[in-house]
């Protein structure tokens, strides 16, 4: 019986740039959290975000002072950004989503 392949996590260009700029210890934690999203796209330490007119479910995962902002569609996560909170206030969330939907 063929095994069911798990959804792959994708990173947007913005998220790749964010990941490269992280300090090494934080980068390792973020990579481990992203790997976990492949098997559990809605972990307990994530929260659904309110987005107007979103075709995908927007979520954020809390990781200490860092937030992984991502979309879920058909159980496949798409990482939009990795930001430090505070000061990050999700003001650019809709533009991040529009940028990914148009690409």
Protein backbone atom coordinates (compact mmCIF):
# COMPACT_ATOMS: atom_id res chain seq x y z
CA UNK A 1 0.00 0.00 0.00
CA UNK A 2 1.58 3.33 -1.01
CA UNK A 3 2.33 5.66 1.85
CA UNK A 4 0.63 8.99 1.97
CA UNK A 5 3.15 11.74 1.40
CA UNK A 6 3.11 14.52 3.92
CA UNK A 7 2.64 18.11 2.78
CA UNK A 8 5.84 20.05 2.30
CA UNK A 9 6.30 23.39 4.01
CA UNK A 10 7.14 26.17 1.56
CA UNK A 11 8.89 29.42 2.41
CA UNK A 12 8.20 32.69 0.63
CA UNK A 13 11.11 34.83 -0.53
CA UNK A 14 10.51 37.15 2.41
CA UNK A 15 10.61 34.23 4.84
CA UNK A 16 13.88 32.94 3.33
CA UNK A 17 15.42 36.38 3.79
CA UNK A 18 14.12 36.54 7.36
CA UNK A 19 15.51 33.07 8.12
CA UNK A 20 18.97 33.96 6.79
CA UNK A 21 19.13 37.05 9.03
CA UNK A 22 18.29 35.22 12.27
CA UNK A 23 20.97 34.54 14.89
CA UNK A 24 22.21 30.93 14.70
CA UNK A 25 20.50 29.64 17.85
CA UNK A 26 17.16 31.20 16.87
CA UNK A 27 17.54 29.92 13.29
CA UNK A 28 17.91 26.34 14.57
CA UNK A 29 14.76 26.70 16.72
CA UNK A 30 12.80 28.19 13.81
CA UNK A 31 13.92 25.43 11.43
CA UNK A 32 12.85 22.77 13.95
CA UNK A 33 9.45 24.48 14.36
CA UNK A 34 9.00 24.70 10.57
CA UNK A 35 9.85 21.00 10.26
CA UNK A 36 7.11 20.22 12.81
CA UNK A 37 4.60 22.17 10.70
CA UNK A 38 4.91 19.47 8.03
CA UNK A 39 3.18 16.95 10.27
CA UNK A 40 1.04 19.33 12.36
CA UNK A 41 0.12 22.52 10.47
CA UNK A 42 -2.01 23.80 13.39
CA UNK A 43 0.05 23.10 16.53
CA UNK A 44 -1.22 24.17 19.98
CA UNK A 45 1.25 27.08 20.12
CA UNK A 46 -0.22 28.60 16.95
CA UNK A 47 -3.15 30.96 16.62
CA UNK A 48 -5.44 31.75 13.71
CA UNK A 49 -5.14 35.35 12.52
CA UNK A 50 -8.05 37.44 11.34
CA UNK A 51 -7.57 38.43 7.71
CA UNK A 52 -10.10 40.10 5.47
CA UNK A 53 -10.88 38.19 2.27
CA UNK A 54 -8.30 35.45 2.76
CA UNK A 55 -8.60 32.33 0.64
CA UNK A 56 -6.23 30.53 2.97
CA UNK A 57 -6.13 30.21 6.73
CA UNK A 58 -3.60 32.69 8.17
CA UNK A 59 -1.82 31.59 11.36
CA UNK A 60 1.07 32.56 13.55
CA UNK A 61 3.25 30.28 15.62
CA UNK A 62 4.78 31.68 18.77
CA UNK A 63 8.39 30.78 19.43
CA UNK A 64 9.65 32.84 22.36
CA UNK A 65 9.90 36.44 21.15
CA UNK A 66 9.67 35.29 17.53
CA UNK A 67 6.59 34.72 15.39
CA UNK A 68 6.35 32.49 12.36
CA UNK A 69 3.55 33.89 10.19
CA UNK A 70 2.13 31.40 7.71
CA UNK A 71 -0.82 30.34 5.60
CA UNK A 72 -2.41 26.89 5.48
CA UNK A 73 -4.21 25.62 2.41
CA UNK A 74 -5.08 21.95 1.95
CA UNK A 75 -2.91 21.17 4.99
CA UNK A 76 0.15 22.66 3.26
CA UNK A 77 1.84 25.48 5.21
CA UNK A 78 3.39 28.45 3.40
CA UNK A 79 5.67 30.51 5.64
CA UNK A 80 5.20 34.22 4.92
CA UNK A 81 7.56 35.82 7.42
CA UNK A 82 9.57 35.30 10.61
CA UNK A 83 9.40 38.36 12.82
CA UNK A 84 10.36 39.45 16.32
CA UNK A 85 7.59 40.57 18.64
CA UNK A 86 7.60 43.24 19.94
CA UNK A 87 7.71 45.43 17.82
CA UNK A 88 6.04 43.33 15.09
CA UNK A 89 2.30 44.06 15.06
CA UNK A 90 1.12 42.19 11.91
CA UNK A 91 0.46 45.49 10.08
CA UNK A 92 1.99 44.06 6.88
CA UNK A 93 0.08 40.77 7.03
CA UNK A 94 -2.36 41.56 4.22
CA UNK A 95 0.42 42.82 1.94
CA UNK A 96 2.46 39.65 2.62
CA UNK A 97 -0.56 37.55 1.67
CA UNK A 98 -1.28 39.57 -1.48
CA UNK A 99 2.36 39.30 -2.53
CA UNK A 100 2.26 35.49 -2.26
CA UNK A 101 -1.10 35.11 -3.94
CA UNK A 102 0.04 37.20 -6.91
CA UNK A 103 3.31 35.24 -7.37
